[in-house]
PDB file of N, CA and C in Angstrom:
ATOM      1  N   MET A   1      10.268  11.307   7.372  1.00  0.00           N
ATOM      2  CA  MET A   1       9.238  11.812   6.769  1.00  0.00           C
ATOM      3  C   MET A   1       9.211  11.533   5.247  1.00  0.00           C
ATOM      4  N   SER A   2       8.288  10.960   4.721  1.00  0.00           N
ATOM      5  CA  SER A   2       8.465  10.773   3.274  1.00  0.00           C
ATOM      6  C   SER A   2       8.187  12.019   2.410  1.00  0.00           C
ATOM      7  N   GLU A   3       8.843  11.900   1.252  1.00  0.00           N
ATOM      8  CA  GLU A   3       8.878  13.268   0.269  1.00  0.00           C
ATOM      9  C   GLU A   3       7.522  13.693   0.122  1.00  0.00           C
ATOM     10  N   ASP A   4       6.578  12.808  -0.200  1.00  0.00           N
ATOM     11  CA  ASP A   4       5.202  13.062  -0.709  1.00  0.00           C
ATOM     12  C   ASP A   4       4.435  13.636   0.272  1.00  0.00           C
ATOM     13  N   LYS A   5       4.732  13.584   1.668  1.00  0.00           N
ATOM     14  CA  LYS A   5       3.848  14.017   2.684  1.00  0.00           C
ATOM     15  C   LYS A   5       4.367  15.348   3.309  1.00  0.00           C
ATOM     16  N   LYS A   6       5.525  15.947   2.653  1.00  0.00           N
ATOM     17  CA  LYS A   6       5.976  17.190   3.248  1.00  0.00           C
ATOM     18  C   LYS A   6       4.991  18.232   2.828  1.00  0.00           C
ATOM     19  N   ILE A   7       4.914  19.162   3.793  1.00  0.00           N
ATOM     20  CA  ILE A   7       3.954  20.257   3.787  1.00  0.00           C
ATOM     21  C   ILE A   7       4.841  21.454   3.836  1.00  0.00           C
ATOM     22  N   TYR A   8       5.186  22.073   2.700  1.00  0.00           N
ATOM     23  CA  TYR A   8       6.043  23.397   2.675  1.00  0.00           C
ATOM     24  C   TYR A   8       5.450  24.529   3.126  1.00  0.00           C
ATOM     25  N   VAL A   9       5.836  25.234   4.184  1.00  0.00           N
ATOM     26  CA  VAL A   9       5.171  26.488   4.821  1.00  0.00           C
ATOM     27  C   VAL A   9       6.115  27.714   4.716  1.00  0.00           C
ATOM     28  N   ALA A  10       7.307  27.607   4.248  1.00  0.00           N
ATOM     29  CA  ALA A  10       8.286  28.765   4.087  1.00  0.00           C
ATOM     30  C   ALA A  10       9.443  28.341   3.277  1.00  0.00           C
ATOM     31  N   ASN A  11      10.007  29.460   2.764  1.00  0.00           N
ATOM     32  CA  ASN A  11      11.448  29.425   2.154  1.00  0.00           C
ATOM     33  C   ASN A  11      12.204  30.470   2.659  1.00  0.00           C
ATOM     34  N   GLY A  12      13.394  30.268   2.961  1.00  0.00           N
ATOM     35  CA  GLY A  12      14.294  31.342   3.698  1.00  0.00           C
ATOM     36  C   GLY A  12      15.672  31.582   2.897  1.00  0.00           C
ATOM     37  N   LYS A  13      16.255  32.560   3.482  1.00  0.00           N
ATOM     38  CA  LYS A  13      17.506  33.047   2.856  1.00  0.00           C
ATOM     39  C   LYS A  13      18.614  33.153   3.780  1.00  0.00           C
ATOM     40  N   THR A  14      19.720  32.580   3.646  1.00  0.00           N
ATOM     41  CA  THR A  14      20.844  32.855   4.634  1.00  0.00           C
ATOM     42  C   THR A  14      21.347  34.261   4.675  1.00  0.00           C
ATOM     43  N   LYS A  15      21.322  34.818   5.788  1.00  0.00           N
ATOM     44  CA  LYS A  15      21.891  36.188   6.006  1.00  0.00           C
ATOM     45  C   LYS A  15      23.313  36.061   6.681  1.00  0.00           C
ATOM     46  N   THR A  16      24.455  36.681   6.243  1.00  0.00           N
ATOM     47  CA  THR A  16      25.595  36.664   6.781  1.00  0.00           C
ATOM     48  C   THR A  16      25.807  37.944   7.565  1.00  0.00           C
ATOM     49  N   TRP A  17      26.148  37.920   8.819  1.00  0.00           N
ATOM     50  CA  TRP A  17      26.397  39.167   9.596  1.00  0.00           C
ATOM     51  C   TRP A  17      27.888  39.789   9.684  1.00  0.00           C
ATOM     52  N   SER A  18      28.146  40.904   9.913  1.00  0.00           N
ATOM     53  CA  SER A  18      29.365  41.457   9.913  1.00  0.00           C
ATOM     54  C   SER A  18      30.376  40.558  10.720  1.00  0.00           C
ATOM     55  N   ASN A  19      29.794  39.997  11.932  1.00  0.00           N
ATOM     56  CA  ASN A  19      30.862  39.284  12.818  1.00  0.00           C
ATOM     57  C   ASN A  19      31.092  37.876  12.161  1.00  0.00           C
ATOM     58  N   GLY A  20      30.490  37.487  10.966  1.00  0.00           N
ATOM     59  CA  GLY A  20      30.833  36.119  10.510  1.00  0.00           C
ATOM     60  C   GLY A  20      29.785  35.238  10.791  1.00  0.00           C
ATOM     61  N   GLY A  21      28.797  35.464  11.779  1.00  0.00           N
ATOM     62  CA  GLY A  21      27.613  34.664  12.051  1.00  0.00           C
ATOM     63  C   GLY A  21      26.618  34.677  10.934  1.00  0.00           C
ATOM     64  N   THR A  22      25.746  33.639  11.055  1.00  0.00           N
ATOM     65  CA  THR A  22      24.761  33.409   9.971  1.00  0.00           C
ATOM     66  C   THR A  22      23.369  33.338  10.657  1.00  0.00           C
ATOM     67  N   SER A  23      22.293  33.642   9.800  1.00  0.00           N
ATOM     68  CA  SER A  23      21.039  33.357  10.378  1.00  0.00           C
ATOM     69  C   SER A  23      20.109  33.083   9.087  1.00  0.00           C
ATOM     70  N   VAL A  24      18.985  32.420   9.233  1.00  0.00           N
ATOM     71  CA  VAL A  24      18.040  32.171   8.179  1.00  0.00           C
ATOM     72  C   VAL A  24      16.952  32.931   8.386  1.00  0.00           C
ATOM     73  N   LYS A  25      16.558  33.727   7.473  1.00  0.00           N
ATOM     74  CA  LYS A  25      15.305  34.759   7.615  1.00  0.00           C
ATOM     75  C   LYS A  25      14.158  34.096   6.763  1.00  0.00           C
ATOM     76  N   PHE A  26      13.042  33.871   7.046  1.00  0.00           N
ATOM     77  CA  PHE A  26      11.922  33.373   6.258  1.00  0.00           C
ATOM     78  C   PHE A  26      10.652  33.918   6.767  1.00  0.00           C
ATOM     79  N   ALA A  27       9.591  33.824   5.950  1.00  0.00           N
ATOM     80  CA  ALA A  27       8.244  34.267   6.220  1.00  0.00           C
ATOM     81  C   ALA A  27       7.466  33.145   6.141  1.00  0.00           C
ATOM     82  N   LEU A  28       6.602  32.953   7.162  1.00  0.00           N
ATOM     83  CA  LEU A  28       5.848  31.505   7.276  1.00  0.00           C
ATOM     84  C   LEU A  28       4.481  31.930   6.694  1.00  0.00           C
ATOM     85  N   ASP A  29       4.110  30.931   5.825  1.00  0.00           N
ATOM     86  CA  ASP A  29       2.898  30.974   5.179  1.00  0.00           C
ATOM     87  C   ASP A  29       1.750  30.461   5.889  1.00  0.00           C
ATOM     88  N   LEU A  30       1.051  31.495   6.780  1.00  0.00           N
ATOM     89  CA  LEU A  30      -0.032  31.089   7.793  1.00  0.00           C
ATOM     90  C   LEU A  30      -1.107  30.198   7.151  1.00  0.00           C
ATOM     91  N   LYS A  31      -1.569  30.420   5.991  1.00  0.00           N
ATOM     92  CA  LYS A  31      -2.610  29.805   5.262  1.00  0.00           C
ATOM     93  C   LYS A  31      -2.037  28.172   5.140  1.00  0.00           C
ATOM     94  N   LYS A  32      -1.023  28.050   4.652  1.00  0.00           N
ATOM     95  CA  LYS A  32      -0.420  26.685   4.592  1.00  0.00           C
ATOM     96  C   LYS A  32      -0.189  26.063   5.823  1.00  0.00           C
ATOM     97  N   LEU A  33       0.138  26.738   7.001  1.00  0.00           N
ATOM     98  CA  LEU A  33       0.385  26.292   8.256  1.00  0.00           C
ATOM     99  C   LEU A  33      -1.028  25.830   8.723  1.00  0.00           C
ATOM    100  N   GLY A  34      -2.114  26.727   8.578  1.00  0.00           N
ATOM    101  CA  GLY A  34      -3.397  26.425   8.947  1.00  0.00           C
ATOM    102  C   GLY A  34      -3.993  25.162   8.351  1.00  0.00           C
ATOM    103  N   ASN A  35      -3.535  24.657   7.062  1.00  0.00           N
ATOM    104  CA  ASN A  35      -3.889  23.637   6.555  1.00  0.00           C
ATOM    105  C   ASN A  35      -3.210  22.194   7.142  1.00  0.00           C
ATOM    106  N   ALA A  36      -2.468  22.472   8.112  1.00  0.00           N
ATOM    107  CA  ALA A  36      -1.613  21.446   8.616  1.00  0.00           C
ATOM    108  C   ALA A  36      -2.236  21.256  10.089  1.00  0.00           C
ATOM    109  N   LYS A  37      -3.402  21.652  10.361  1.00  0.00           N
ATOM    110  CA  LYS A  37      -3.867  21.509  11.670  1.00  0.00           C
ATOM    111  C   LYS A  37      -3.847  20.137  12.387  1.00  0.00           C
ATOM    112  N   GLU A  38      -3.921  19.118  11.527  1.00  0.00           N
ATOM    113  CA  GLU A  38      -3.921  17.823  12.097  1.00  0.00           C
ATOM    114  C   GLU A  38      -2.563  17.432  12.741  1.00  0.00           C
ATOM    115  N   TYR A  39      -1.617  18.248  12.617  1.00  0.00           N
ATOM    116  CA  TYR A  39      -0.215  17.989  13.102  1.00  0.00           C
ATOM    117  C   TYR A  39       0.062  18.867  14.360  1.00  0.00           C
ATOM    118  N   TYR A  40      -1.016  19.712  14.886  1.00  0.00           N
ATOM    119  CA  TYR A  40      -1.023  20.466  15.968  1.00  0.00           C
ATOM    120  C   TYR A  40      -0.948  19.607  17.303  1.00  0.00           C
ATOM    121  N   TYR A  41      -0.453  19.779  18.327  1.00  0.00           N
ATOM    122  CA  TYR A  41      -0.702  19.211  19.651  1.00  0.00           C
ATOM    123  C   TYR A  41      -0.645  20.088  20.698  1.00  0.00           C
ATOM    124  N   GLU A  42      -1.363  19.799  21.783  1.00  0.00           N
ATOM    125  CA  GLU A  42      -1.303  20.559  22.969  1.00  0.00           C
ATOM    126  C   GLU A  42      -0.583  20.012  24.174  1.00  0.00           C
ATOM    127  N   LEU A  43       0.079  20.935  24.898  1.00  0.00           N
ATOM    128  CA  LEU A  43       0.942  20.308  25.984  1.00  0.00           C
ATOM    129  C   LEU A  43       0.771  21.507  27.206  1.00  0.00           C
ATOM    130  N   ASN A  44       0.278  21.174  28.110  1.00  0.00           N
ATOM    131  CA  ASN A  44       0.066  22.181  29.206  1.00  0.00           C
ATOM    132  C   ASN A  44      -0.726  23.356  28.908  1.00  0.00           C
ATOM    133  N   GLY A  45      -1.799  23.084  28.043  1.00  0.00           N
ATOM    134  CA  GLY A  45      -2.719  24.247  27.618  1.00  0.00           C
ATOM    135  C   GLY A  45      -1.955  25.181  26.467  1.00  0.00           C
ATOM    136  N   THR A  46      -0.896  24.807  25.899  1.00  0.00           N
ATOM    137  CA  THR A  46      -0.335  25.567  24.765  1.00  0.00           C
ATOM    138  C   THR A  46      -0.301  24.597  23.617  1.00  0.00           C
ATOM    139  N   LYS A  47      -0.714  25.333  22.466  1.00  0.00           N
ATOM    140  CA  LYS A  47      -0.680  24.502  21.052  1.00  0.00           C
ATOM    141  C   LYS A  47       0.705  24.659  20.526  1.00  0.00           C
ATOM    142  N   TYR A  48       1.165  23.566  19.853  1.00  0.00           N
ATOM    143  CA  TYR A  48       2.445  23.594  19.227  1.00  0.00           C
ATOM    144  C   TYR A  48       2.219  22.841  17.920  1.00  0.00           C
ATOM    145  N   ILE A  49       3.356  23.084  16.998  1.00  0.00           N
ATOM    146  CA  ILE A  49       3.493  22.242  15.779  1.00  0.00           C
ATOM    147  C   ILE A  49       4.990  22.231  15.613  1.00  0.00           C
ATOM    148  N   ASN A  50       5.243  21.097  15.146  1.00  0.00           N
ATOM    149  CA  ASN A  50       6.920  20.895  14.922  1.00  0.00           C
ATOM    150  C   ASN A  50       7.068  21.148  13.440  1.00  0.00           C
ATOM    151  N   LEU A  51       8.075  21.920  13.271  1.00  0.00           N
ATOM    152  CA  LEU A  51       8.596  22.450  11.975  1.00  0.00           C
ATOM    153  C   LEU A  51      10.106  21.951  11.852  1.00  0.00           C
ATOM    154  N   GLU A  52      10.400  21.758  10.515  1.00  0.00           N
ATOM    155  CA  GLU A  52      11.807  21.422  10.226  1.00  0.00           C
ATOM    156  C   GLU A  52      12.260  22.186   9.201  1.00  0.00           C
ATOM    157  N   MET A  53      13.498  22.773   9.339  1.00  0.00           N
ATOM    158  CA  MET A  53      14.260  23.759   8.423  1.00  0.00           C
ATOM    159  C   MET A  53      15.349  22.911   7.716  1.00  0.00           C
ATOM    160  N   SER A  54      15.459  23.002   6.422  1.00  0.00           N
ATOM    161  CA  SER A  54      16.582  22.340   5.930  1.00  0.00           C
ATOM    162  C   SER A  54      16.879  23.037   4.737  1.00  0.00           C
ATOM    163  N   GLU A  55      18.367  22.820   4.312  1.00  0.00           N
ATOM    164  CA  GLU A  55      18.943  23.441   3.110  1.00  0.00           C
ATOM    165  C   GLU A  55      18.515  22.845   1.880  1.00  0.00           C
ATOM    166  N   LYS A  56      18.022  23.721   0.878  1.00  0.00           N
ATOM    167  CA  LYS A  56      17.422  23.316  -0.299  1.00  0.00           C
ATOM    168  C   LYS A  56      18.528  22.588  -1.117  1.00  0.00           C
ATOM    169  N   ARG A  57      17.992  21.566  -1.819  1.00  0.00           N
ATOM    170  CA  ARG A  57      18.841  20.773  -2.601  1.00  0.00           C
ATOM    171  C   ARG A  57      19.676  21.672  -3.740  1.00  0.00           C
ATOM    172  N   ILE A  58      19.020  22.502  -4.244  1.00  0.00           N
ATOM    173  CA  ILE A  58      19.609  23.445  -5.242  1.00  0.00           C
ATOM    174  C   ILE A  58      19.705  24.679  -4.480  1.00  0.00           C
ATOM    175  N   SER A  59      20.906  25.132  -3.825  1.00  0.00           N
ATOM    176  CA  SER A  59      20.994  26.146  -3.040  1.00  0.00           C
ATOM    177  C   SER A  59      22.089  27.247  -3.611  1.00  0.00           C
ATOM    178  N   PRO A  60      21.785  28.349  -3.750  1.00  0.00           N
ATOM    179  CA  PRO A  60      20.386  29.112  -3.773  1.00  0.00           C
ATOM    180  C   PRO A  60      19.688  28.719  -4.865  1.00  0.00           C
ATOM    181  N   ASP A  61      18.245  28.880  -4.789  1.00  0.00           N
ATOM    182  CA  ASP A  61      17.390  28.571  -5.888  1.00  0.00           C
ATOM    183  C   ASP A  61      17.270  29.929  -6.753  1.00  0.00           C
ATOM    184  N   GLN A  62      16.340  29.971  -7.736  1.00  0.00           N
ATOM    185  CA  GLN A  62      16.384  30.944  -8.673  1.00  0.00           C
ATOM    186  C   GLN A  62      16.102  32.340  -8.054  1.00  0.00           C
ATOM    187  N   TYR A  63      15.484  32.299  -6.798  1.00  0.00           N
ATOM    188  CA  TYR A  63      15.029  33.523  -5.979  1.00  0.00           C
ATOM    189  C   TYR A  63      16.008  33.794  -4.965  1.00  0.00           C
ATOM    190  N   GLY A  64      17.101  33.067  -4.828  1.00  0.00           N
ATOM    191  CA  GLY A  64      18.099  33.383  -3.715  1.00  0.00           C
ATOM    192  C   GLY A  64      17.791  32.613  -2.507  1.00  0.00           C
ATOM    193  N   LYS A  65      16.762  31.831  -2.422  1.00  0.00           N
ATOM    194  CA  LYS A  65      16.411  31.076  -1.350  1.00  0.00           C
ATOM    195  C   LYS A  65      17.305  30.002  -1.051  1.00  0.00           C
ATOM    196  N   THR A  66      17.931  29.822   0.208  1.00  0.00           N
ATOM    197  CA  THR A  66      18.651  28.757   0.462  1.00  0.00           C
ATOM    198  C   THR A  66      18.123  27.694   1.398  1.00  0.00           C
ATOM    199  N   HIS A  67      16.974  27.814   2.136  1.00  0.00           N
ATOM    200  CA  HIS A  67      16.423  26.885   3.008  1.00  0.00           C
ATOM    201  C   HIS A  67      14.959  26.789   2.800  1.00  0.00           C
ATOM    202  N   SER A  68      14.354  25.666   3.189  1.00  0.00           N
ATOM    203  CA  SER A  68      12.934  25.480   3.239  1.00  0.00           C
ATOM    204  C   SER A  68      12.509  25.010   4.523  1.00  0.00           C
ATOM    205  N   VAL A  69      11.181  25.294   4.920  1.00  0.00           N
ATOM    206  CA  VAL A  69      10.678  25.012   6.104  1.00  0.00           C
ATOM    207  C   VAL A  69       9.386  24.178   5.851  1.00  0.00           C
ATOM    208  N   THR A  70       9.367  22.872   6.555  1.00  0.00           N
ATOM    209  CA  THR A  70       8.139  21.977   6.372  1.00  0.00           C
ATOM    210  C   THR A  70       7.754  21.531   7.801  1.00  0.00           C
ATOM    211  N   VAL A  71       6.417  21.191   7.625  1.00  0.00           N
ATOM    212  CA  VAL A  71       5.781  20.626   8.795  1.00  0.00           C
ATOM    213  C   VAL A  71       6.261  19.251   9.033  1.00  0.00           C
ATOM    214  N   ASP A  72       6.627  19.089  10.249  1.00  0.00           N
ATOM    215  CA  ASP A  72       7.070  17.597  10.634  1.00  0.00           C
ATOM    216  C   ASP A  72       5.720  16.856  10.799  1.00  0.00           C
ATOM    217  N   THR A  73       5.647  16.066   9.838  1.00  0.00           N
ATOM    218  CA  THR A  73       4.371  15.134   9.723  1.00  0.00           C
ATOM    219  C   THR A  73       4.366  13.813  10.513  1.00  0.00           C
ATOM    220  N   PHE A  74       5.486  13.561  11.202  1.00  0.00           N
ATOM    221  CA  PHE A  74       5.657  12.404  11.970  1.00  0.00           C
ATOM    222  C   PHE A  74       4.700  12.210  13.046  1.00  0.00           C
ATOM    223  N   VAL A  75       3.973  11.136  13.124  1.00  0.00           N
ATOM    224  CA  VAL A  75       2.939  10.753  14.025  1.00  0.00           C
ATOM    225  C   VAL A  75       3.350   9.616  14.856  1.00  0.00           C
ATOM    226  N   PRO A  76       3.738   9.730  16.100  1.00  0.00           N
ATOM    227  CA  PRO A  76       4.252   8.510  16.815  1.00  0.00           C
ATOM    228  C   PRO A  76       3.230   7.471  17.132  1.00  0.00           C
ATOM    229  N   ASP A  77       3.560   6.315  17.090  1.00  0.00           N
ATOM    230  CA  ASP A  77       2.855   5.116  17.319  1.00  0.00           C
ATOM    231  C   ASP A  77       2.647   5.113  18.722  1.00  0.00           C
ATOM    232  N   HIS A  78       1.439   5.453  19.316  1.00  0.00           N
ATOM    233  CA  HIS A  78       1.288   5.553  20.811  1.00  0.00           C
ATOM    234  C   HIS A  78       1.251   4.282  21.464  1.00  0.00           C
ATOM    235  N   THR A  79       0.995   3.132  20.722  1.00  0.00           N
ATOM    236  CA  THR A  79       1.167   1.824  21.502  1.00  0.00           C
ATOM    237  C   THR A  79       2.671   1.500  21.810  1.00  0.00           C
ATOM    238  N   LYS A  80       3.640   1.937  20.945  1.00  0.00           N
ATOM    239  CA  LYS A  80       5.015   1.662  21.168  1.00  0.00           C
ATOM    240  C   LYS A  80       5.533   2.730  22.269  1.00  0.00           C
ATOM    241  N   ALA A  81       4.945   3.915  22.202  1.00  0.00           N
ATOM    242  CA  ALA A  81       5.293   4.978  23.359  1.00  0.00           C
ATOM    243  C   ALA A  81       4.930   4.446  24.633  1.00  0.00           C
ATOM    244  N   ASN A  82       3.535   4.022  24.693  1.00  0.00           N
ATOM    245  CA  ASN A  82       3.083   3.488  26.012  1.00  0.00           C
ATOM    246  C   ASN A  82       3.916   2.251  26.408  1.00  0.00           C
ATOM    247  N   GLN A  83       4.275   1.454  25.677  1.00  0.00           N
ATOM    248  CA  GLN A  83       5.030   0.119  26.033  1.00  0.00           C
ATOM    249  C   GLN A  83       6.385   0.656  26.513  1.00  0.00           C
ATOM    250  N   SER A  84       7.009   1.599  25.898  1.00  0.00           N
ATOM    251  CA  SER A  84       8.388   2.026  26.402  1.00  0.00           C
ATOM    252  C   SER A  84       8.257   2.634  27.710  1.00  0.00           C
ATOM    253  N   LYS A  85       7.254   3.443  28.080  1.00  0.00           N
ATOM    254  CA  LYS A  85       7.086   4.134  29.213  1.00  0.00           C
ATOM    255  C   LYS A  85       6.920   3.168  30.422  1.00  0.00           C
ATOM    256  N   THR A  86       6.105   2.137  30.116  1.00  0.00           N
ATOM    257  CA  THR A  86       6.047   1.095  31.134  1.00  0.00           C
ATOM    258  C   THR A  86       7.424   0.232  31.333  1.00  0.00           C
ATOM    259  N   ASN A  87       8.211   0.064  30.397  1.00  0.00           N
ATOM    260  CA  ASN A  87       9.512  -0.565  30.604  1.00  0.00           C
ATOM    261  C   ASN A  87      10.540   0.499  30.915  1.00  0.00           C
ATOM    262  N   ASN A  88      10.253   1.761  31.089  1.00  0.00           N
ATOM    263  CA  ASN A  88      11.308   2.685  31.405  1.00  0.00           C
ATOM    264  C   ASN A  88      12.365   2.791  30.439  1.00  0.00           C
ATOM    265  N   GLU A  89      11.993   2.675  29.196  1.00  0.00           N
ATOM    266  CA  GLU A  89      12.959   2.882  28.106  1.00  0.00           C
ATOM    267  C   GLU A  89      12.935   4.115  27.616  1.00  0.00           C
ATOM    268  N   GLY A  90      14.047   4.710  27.321  1.00  0.00           N
ATOM    269  CA  GLY A  90      14.068   6.193  26.722  1.00  0.00           C
ATOM    270  C   GLY A  90      13.710   7.084  27.749  1.00  0.00           C
ATOM    271  N   SER A  91      14.408   8.366  27.482  1.00  0.00           N
ATOM    272  CA  SER A  91      14.155   9.417  28.398  1.00  0.00           C
ATOM    273  C   SER A  91      13.641  10.637  27.628  1.00  0.00           C
ATOM    274  N   GLN A  92      13.319  10.472  26.452  1.00  0.00           N
ATOM    275  CA  GLN A  92      12.822  11.695  25.682  1.00  0.00           C
ATOM    276  C   GLN A  92      11.570  12.243  26.234  1.00  0.00           C
ATOM    277  N   ARG A  93      11.468  13.655  26.457  1.00  0.00           N
ATOM    278  CA  ARG A  93      10.442  14.363  26.880  1.00  0.00           C
ATOM    279  C   ARG A  93       9.818  15.010  25.689  1.00  0.00           C
ATOM    280  N   PRO A  94       8.457  15.252  25.685  1.00  0.00           N
ATOM    281  CA  PRO A  94       7.860  16.104  24.667  1.00  0.00           C
ATOM    282  C   PRO A  94       8.350  17.501  24.637  1.00  0.00           C
ATOM    283  N   PRO A  95       8.335  18.257  23.550  1.00  0.00           N
ATOM    284  CA  PRO A  95       8.718  19.718  23.568  1.00  0.00           C
ATOM    285  C   PRO A  95       7.960  20.547  24.673  1.00  0.00           C
ATOM    286  N   GLY A  96       8.546  21.532  25.287  1.00  0.00           N
ATOM    287  CA  GLY A  96       7.938  22.265  26.209  1.00  0.00           C
ATOM    288  C   GLY A  96       7.868  21.592  27.598  1.00  0.00           C
ATOM    289  N   ASP A  97       8.384  20.542  27.909  1.00  0.00           N
ATOM    290  CA  ASP A  97       8.408  19.785  29.047  1.00  0.00           C
ATOM    291  C   ASP A  97       9.782  20.053  29.893  1.00  0.00           C
ATOM    292  N   VAL A  98      10.382  20.977  29.557  1.00  0.00           N
ATOM    293  CA  VAL A  98      11.617  21.325  30.180  1.00  0.00           C
ATOM    294  C   VAL A  98      11.263  21.841  31.503  1.00  0.00           C
ATOM    295  N   GLY A  99      12.198  21.416  32.514  1.00  0.00           N
ATOM    296  CA  GLY A  99      12.003  21.766  33.917  1.00  0.00           C
ATOM    297  C   GLY A  99      11.224  20.835  34.629  1.00  0.00           C
ATOM    298  N   LYS A 100      10.472  19.927  34.224  1.00  0.00           N
ATOM    299  CA  LYS A 100       9.449  19.034  34.938  1.00  0.00           C
ATOM    300  C   LYS A 100      10.449  17.907  35.400  1.00  0.00           C
ATOM    301  N   ASN A 101      10.451  17.551  36.655  1.00  0.00           N
ATOM    302  CA  ASN A 101      11.308  16.432  37.199  1.00  0.00           C
ATOM    303  C   ASN A 101      12.807  16.651  36.727  1.00  0.00           C
ATOM    304  N   ASP A 102      13.206  17.847  36.497  1.00  0.00           N
ATOM    305  CA  ASP A 102      14.600  18.143  36.177  1.00  0.00           C
ATOM    306  C   ASP A 102      15.500  18.416  37.550  1.00  0.00           C
ATOM    307  N   PRO A 103      16.340  17.416  37.778  1.00  0.00           N
ATOM    308  CA  PRO A 103      17.295  17.525  39.042  1.00  0.00           C
ATOM    309  C   PRO A 103      18.012  18.853  39.071  1.00  0.00           C
ATOM    310  N   PHE A 104      18.289  19.455  38.034  1.00  0.00           N
ATOM    311  CA  PHE A 104      19.082  20.742  38.026  1.00  0.00           C
ATOM    312  C   PHE A 104      18.224  21.959  38.008  1.00  0.00           C
ATOM    313  N   GLU A 105      17.038  21.834  38.047  1.00  0.00           N
ATOM    314  CA  GLU A 105      16.143  22.824  38.006  1.00  0.00           C
ATOM    315  C   GLU A 105      16.443  24.007  38.975  1.00  0.00           C
ATOM    316  N   ASP A 106      16.822  23.829  40.293  1.00  0.00           N
ATOM    317  CA  ASP A 106      16.979  24.711  41.292  1.00  0.00           C
ATOM    318  C   ASP A 106      18.461  25.147  41.449  1.00  0.00           C
ATOM    319  N   ASP A 107      19.258  24.614  40.419  1.00  0.00           N
ATOM    320  CA  ASP A 107      20.776  24.916  40.533  1.00  0.00           C
ATOM    321  C   ASP A 107      21.208  26.315  39.931  1.00  0.00           C
ATOM    322  N   ILE A 108      20.310  26.983  39.447  1.00  0.00           N
ATOM    323  CA  ILE A 108      20.637  28.264  38.764  1.00  0.00           C
ATOM    324  C   ILE A 108      20.921  29.212  39.786  1.00  0.00           C
ATOM    325  N   PRO A 109      22.019  29.850  39.819  1.00  0.00           N
ATOM    326  CA  PRO A 109      22.478  30.729  40.875  1.00  0.00           C
ATOM    327  C   PRO A 109      21.805  32.106  40.979  1.00  0.00           C
ATOM    328  N   TRP A 110      20.941  32.482  40.053  1.00  0.00           N
ATOM    329  CA  TRP A 110      20.222  33.798  40.104  1.00  0.00           C
ATOM    330  C   TRP A 110      18.840  33.689  40.195  1.00  0.00           C
TER     331      TRP A 110
END
């Protein structure tokens, strides 16, 4: 994703828990996310958007924020994707496709 195409939708702060674990808390700017509708996609009747969280270059910034969240603006070249499907190259599934044609799907003991 090129630097000029990034759509920033949130900034977050690292929280350290008493057990030593960490998490990143952030508030998503829905107005900015709504402006990125061209990157929404639908799979099995559910709408998705891919986001990317990364550590800020200057971390923490002046407000104590350590991470930023951007919209993944990558748009696949469908001609290459269709070509690799016909050649049976690659086994990547789209997000949300978990369980379909999964040989281990019925191996869960509960």
